[in-house]
Every structure is written in structure tokens, then in C-alpha cells.
PDB file of N, CA and C in Angstrom:
ATOM      1  N   UNK A   1      12.861  -0.328  12.305  1.00  0.00           N
ATOM      2  CA  UNK A   1      12.178  -1.215  11.432  1.00  0.00           C
ATOM      3  C   UNK A   1      12.572  -0.986   9.974  1.00  0.00           C
ATOM      4  N   UNK A   2      12.540   0.207   9.565  1.00  0.00           N
ATOM      5  CA  UNK A   2      12.861   0.526   8.191  1.00  0.00           C
ATOM      6  C   UNK A   2      14.403   0.279   7.910  1.00  0.00           C
ATOM      7  N   UNK A   3      15.257   0.547   8.905  1.00  0.00           N
ATOM      8  CA  UNK A   3      16.718   0.177   8.767  1.00  0.00           C
ATOM      9  C   UNK A   3      16.856  -1.284   8.653  1.00  0.00           C
ATOM     10  N   UNK A   4      16.168  -2.123   9.404  1.00  0.00           N
ATOM     11  CA  UNK A   4      16.289  -3.594   9.300  1.00  0.00           C
ATOM     12  C   UNK A   4      15.803  -4.097   7.962  1.00  0.00           C
ATOM     13  N   UNK A   5      14.644  -3.508   7.444  1.00  0.00           N
ATOM     14  CA  UNK A   5      14.225  -3.826   6.104  1.00  0.00           C
ATOM     15  C   UNK A   5      15.261  -3.455   5.010  1.00  0.00           C
ATOM     16  N   UNK A   6      15.920  -2.355   5.177  1.00  0.00           N
ATOM     17  CA  UNK A   6      16.881  -1.878   4.197  1.00  0.00           C
ATOM     18  C   UNK A   6      18.118  -2.808   4.177  1.00  0.00           C
ATOM     19  N   UNK A   7      18.531  -3.296   5.431  1.00  0.00           N
ATOM     20  CA  UNK A   7      19.627  -4.160   5.487  1.00  0.00           C
ATOM     21  C   UNK A   7      19.338  -5.577   4.891  1.00  0.00           C
ATOM     22  N   UNK A   8      18.059  -5.933   5.015  1.00  0.00           N
ATOM     23  CA  UNK A   8      17.690  -7.364   4.524  1.00  0.00           C
ATOM     24  C   UNK A   8      17.720  -7.392   2.985  1.00  0.00           C
ATOM     25  N   UNK A   9      17.298  -6.254   2.357  1.00  0.00           N
ATOM     26  CA  UNK A   9      17.267  -6.308   0.880  1.00  0.00           C
ATOM     27  C   UNK A   9      18.571  -6.476   0.210  1.00  0.00           C
ATOM     28  N   UNK A  10      18.633  -7.246  -0.803  1.00  0.00           N
ATOM     29  CA  UNK A  10      20.001  -7.489  -1.502  1.00  0.00           C
ATOM     30  C   UNK A  10      20.351  -6.430  -2.431  1.00  0.00           C
ATOM     31  N   UNK A  11      21.589  -6.370  -2.742  1.00  0.00           N
ATOM     32  CA  UNK A  11      22.094  -5.432  -3.857  1.00  0.00           C
ATOM     33  C   UNK A  11      22.479  -4.055  -3.413  1.00  0.00           C
ATOM     34  N   UNK A  12      22.901  -3.198  -4.353  1.00  0.00           N
ATOM     35  CA  UNK A  12      23.202  -1.848  -4.077  1.00  0.00           C
ATOM     36  C   UNK A  12      22.010  -1.018  -3.805  1.00  0.00           C
ATOM     37  N   UNK A  13      22.175   0.278  -3.441  1.00  0.00           N
ATOM     38  CA  UNK A  13      21.113   1.095  -2.989  1.00  0.00           C
ATOM     39  C   UNK A  13      19.974   1.337  -4.084  1.00  0.00           C
ATOM     40  N   UNK A  14      20.457   1.447  -5.313  1.00  0.00           N
ATOM     41  CA  UNK A  14      19.436   1.621  -6.416  1.00  0.00           C
ATOM     42  C   UNK A  14      18.540   0.427  -6.584  1.00  0.00           C
ATOM     43  N   UNK A  15      19.093  -0.825  -6.423  1.00  0.00           N
ATOM     44  CA  UNK A  15      18.340  -1.990  -6.453  1.00  0.00           C
ATOM     45  C   UNK A  15      17.370  -2.113  -5.381  1.00  0.00           C
ATOM     46  N   UNK A  16      17.836  -1.772  -4.147  1.00  0.00           N
ATOM     47  CA  UNK A  16      17.049  -1.793  -3.033  1.00  0.00           C
ATOM     48  C   UNK A  16      15.840  -0.890  -3.089  1.00  0.00           C
ATOM     49  N   UNK A  17      16.117   0.299  -3.683  1.00  0.00           N
ATOM     50  CA  UNK A  17      15.078   1.341  -3.904  1.00  0.00           C
ATOM     51  C   UNK A  17      14.051   0.830  -4.930  1.00  0.00           C
ATOM     52  N   UNK A  18      14.516   0.204  -5.959  1.00  0.00           N
ATOM     53  CA  UNK A  18      13.582  -0.357  -7.048  1.00  0.00           C
ATOM     54  C   UNK A  18      12.680  -1.417  -6.333  1.00  0.00           C
ATOM     55  N   UNK A  19      13.281  -2.326  -5.594  1.00  0.00           N
ATOM     56  CA  UNK A  19      12.536  -3.425  -4.965  1.00  0.00           C
ATOM     57  C   UNK A  19      11.483  -2.763  -4.026  1.00  0.00           C
ATOM     58  N   UNK A  20      11.788  -1.796  -3.217  1.00  0.00           N
ATOM     59  CA  UNK A  20      10.822  -1.187  -2.320  1.00  0.00           C
ATOM     60  C   UNK A  20       9.727  -0.488  -3.159  1.00  0.00           C
ATOM     61  N   UNK A  21      10.078   0.165  -4.260  1.00  0.00           N
ATOM     62  CA  UNK A  21       9.005   0.872  -5.005  1.00  0.00           C
ATOM     63  C   UNK A  21       8.056  -0.165  -5.669  1.00  0.00           C
ATOM     64  N   UNK A  22       8.623  -1.241  -6.201  1.00  0.00           N
ATOM     65  CA  UNK A  22       7.707  -2.335  -6.749  1.00  0.00           C
ATOM     66  C   UNK A  22       6.883  -2.933  -5.597  1.00  0.00           C
ATOM     67  N   UNK A  23       7.450  -3.196  -4.425  1.00  0.00           N
ATOM     68  CA  UNK A  23       6.636  -3.674  -3.336  1.00  0.00           C
ATOM     69  C   UNK A  23       5.526  -2.727  -2.919  1.00  0.00           C
ATOM     70  N   UNK A  24       5.808  -1.440  -2.871  1.00  0.00           N
ATOM     71  CA  UNK A  24       4.760  -0.477  -2.506  1.00  0.00           C
ATOM     72  C   UNK A  24       3.667  -0.429  -3.557  1.00  0.00           C
ATOM     73  N   UNK A  25       4.071  -0.456  -4.883  1.00  0.00           N
ATOM     74  CA  UNK A  25       3.085  -0.508  -5.969  1.00  0.00           C
ATOM     75  C   UNK A  25       2.284  -1.726  -5.927  1.00  0.00           C
ATOM     76  N   UNK A  26       2.824  -2.826  -5.558  1.00  0.00           N
ATOM     77  CA  UNK A  26       2.032  -4.060  -5.458  1.00  0.00           C
ATOM     78  C   UNK A  26       1.017  -3.990  -4.317  1.00  0.00           C
ATOM     79  N   UNK A  27       1.454  -3.510  -3.186  1.00  0.00           N
ATOM     80  CA  UNK A  27       0.547  -3.332  -2.056  1.00  0.00           C
ATOM     81  C   UNK A  27      -0.552  -2.381  -2.450  1.00  0.00           C
ATOM     82  N   UNK A  28      -0.278  -1.222  -2.932  1.00  0.00           N
ATOM     83  CA  UNK A  28      -1.415  -0.351  -3.308  1.00  0.00           C
ATOM     84  C   UNK A  28      -2.302  -0.920  -4.367  1.00  0.00           C
ATOM     85  N   UNK A  29      -1.756  -1.679  -5.295  1.00  0.00           N
ATOM     86  CA  UNK A  29      -2.563  -2.365  -6.325  1.00  0.00           C
ATOM     87  C   UNK A  29      -3.570  -3.305  -5.605  1.00  0.00           C
ATOM     88  N   UNK A  30      -3.043  -4.087  -4.655  1.00  0.00           N
ATOM     89  CA  UNK A  30      -3.834  -5.055  -3.993  1.00  0.00           C
ATOM     90  C   UNK A  30      -4.941  -4.311  -3.057  1.00  0.00           C
ATOM     91  N   UNK A  31      -4.576  -3.194  -2.424  1.00  0.00           N
ATOM     92  CA  UNK A  31      -5.537  -2.458  -1.742  1.00  0.00           C
ATOM     93  C   UNK A  31      -6.670  -1.907  -2.601  1.00  0.00           C
ATOM     94  N   UNK A  32      -6.303  -1.245  -3.661  1.00  0.00           N
ATOM     95  CA  UNK A  32      -7.344  -0.576  -4.436  1.00  0.00           C
ATOM     96  C   UNK A  32      -8.205  -1.496  -5.274  1.00  0.00           C
ATOM     97  N   UNK A  33      -7.697  -2.642  -5.607  1.00  0.00           N
ATOM     98  CA  UNK A  33      -8.461  -3.541  -6.558  1.00  0.00           C
ATOM     99  C   UNK A  33      -9.043  -4.735  -5.848  1.00  0.00           C
ATOM    100  N   UNK A  34      -8.608  -5.028  -4.650  1.00  0.00           N
ATOM    101  CA  UNK A  34      -9.176  -6.224  -3.915  1.00  0.00           C
ATOM    102  C   UNK A  34      -9.764  -5.872  -2.573  1.00  0.00           C
ATOM    103  N   UNK A  35      -8.916  -5.211  -1.792  1.00  0.00           N
ATOM    104  CA  UNK A  35      -9.328  -4.964  -0.359  1.00  0.00           C
ATOM    105  C   UNK A  35     -10.396  -3.903  -0.216  1.00  0.00           C
ATOM    106  N   UNK A  36     -10.157  -2.699  -0.839  1.00  0.00           N
ATOM    107  CA  UNK A  36     -11.208  -1.607  -0.760  1.00  0.00           C
ATOM    108  C   UNK A  36     -12.556  -1.934  -1.299  1.00  0.00           C
ATOM    109  N   UNK A  37     -12.621  -2.656  -2.541  1.00  0.00           N
ATOM    110  CA  UNK A  37     -13.923  -3.069  -3.055  1.00  0.00           C
ATOM    111  C   UNK A  37     -14.683  -4.091  -2.173  1.00  0.00           C
ATOM    112  N   UNK A  38     -13.868  -4.908  -1.531  1.00  0.00           N
ATOM    113  CA  UNK A  38     -14.407  -5.925  -0.610  1.00  0.00           C
ATOM    114  C   UNK A  38     -14.972  -5.304   0.665  1.00  0.00           C
ATOM    115  N   UNK A  39     -14.380  -4.312   1.142  1.00  0.00           N
ATOM    116  CA  UNK A  39     -14.700  -3.557   2.355  1.00  0.00           C
ATOM    117  C   UNK A  39     -15.779  -2.587   2.177  1.00  0.00           C
ATOM    118  N   UNK A  40     -15.950  -2.036   1.019  1.00  0.00           N
ATOM    119  CA  UNK A  40     -16.842  -0.855   0.724  1.00  0.00           C
ATOM    120  C   UNK A  40     -18.364  -1.256   1.128  1.00  0.00           C
ATOM    121  N   UNK A  41     -18.828  -2.526   0.892  1.00  0.00           N
ATOM    122  CA  UNK A  41     -20.217  -2.710   1.271  1.00  0.00           C
ATOM    123  C   UNK A  41     -20.467  -2.680   2.780  1.00  0.00           C
ATOM    124  N   UNK A  42     -19.474  -2.893   3.544  1.00  0.00           N
ATOM    125  CA  UNK A  42     -19.564  -2.945   5.007  1.00  0.00           C
ATOM    126  C   UNK A  42     -19.547  -1.538   5.603  1.00  0.00           C
ATOM    127  N   UNK A  43     -18.992  -0.548   4.874  1.00  0.00           N
ATOM    128  CA  UNK A  43     -18.881   0.845   5.332  1.00  0.00           C
ATOM    129  C   UNK A  43     -19.971   1.640   4.635  1.00  0.00           C
ATOM    130  N   UNK A  44     -20.988   2.105   5.383  1.00  0.00           N
ATOM    131  CA  UNK A  44     -21.929   2.948   4.826  1.00  0.00           C
ATOM    132  C   UNK A  44     -21.895   4.305   5.430  1.00  0.00           C
ATOM    133  N   UNK A  45     -21.452   5.273   4.681  1.00  0.00           N
ATOM    134  CA  UNK A  45     -21.306   6.615   5.221  1.00  0.00           C
ATOM    135  C   UNK A  45     -22.674   7.113   5.550  1.00  0.00           C
ATOM    136  N   UNK A  46     -22.743   7.907   6.583  1.00  0.00           N
ATOM    137  CA  UNK A  46     -23.992   8.529   6.964  1.00  0.00           C
ATOM    138  C   UNK A  46     -24.370   9.656   5.996  1.00  0.00           C
ATOM    139  N   UNK A  47     -25.591  10.068   6.035  1.00  0.00           N
ATOM    140  CA  UNK A  47     -26.187  11.131   5.129  1.00  0.00           C
ATOM    141  C   UNK A  47     -25.496  12.460   5.620  1.00  0.00           C
ATOM    142  N   UNK A  48     -24.922  13.058   4.719  1.00  0.00           N
ATOM    143  CA  UNK A  48     -24.139  14.344   4.910  1.00  0.00           C
ATOM    144  C   UNK A  48     -24.875  15.455   4.261  1.00  0.00           C
ATOM    145  N   UNK A  49     -25.310  16.433   4.896  1.00  0.00           N
ATOM    146  CA  UNK A  49     -25.901  17.657   4.309  1.00  0.00           C
ATOM    147  C   UNK A  49     -25.064  18.807   4.720  1.00  0.00           C
ATOM    148  N   UNK A  50     -24.704  19.568   3.649  1.00  0.00           N
ATOM    149  CA  UNK A  50     -23.917  20.783   3.810  1.00  0.00           C
ATOM    150  C   UNK A  50     -24.844  21.901   3.432  1.00  0.00           C
ATOM    151  N   UNK A  51     -25.092  22.771   4.351  1.00  0.00           N
ATOM    152  CA  UNK A  51     -25.986  23.973   3.964  1.00  0.00           C
ATOM    153  C   UNK A  51     -25.374  25.274   4.336  1.00  0.00           C
TER     154      UNK A  51
END
């Protein structure tokens, strides 16, 4: 799967790496600022006591 993704991306290796890093950053941004806050009300952690 990763090899197919690498072959689909245009340009030399450094441009492919830059595109992948930007895509990963965009995915993480979307998760942290949109998906996780939306999901957090549905997930209620149980009461945890450490003694």
C-alpha cells in the first residue's frame, strides 16, 4: 500500500516526502481540532482510583 502511494505521488523523492508530511500534518490537525472534540462527549471514562 505504501509503495503504491509513493509511486502515485509526483516529483522527486524530496517533493514526495514533503507532500506526505503536509498530508500527515493536515490529518493530525483535523483529528485534534475536529474529530476528537466531537467524539469526547460520547466517551466517558470510568472512575479510576489508584491507591
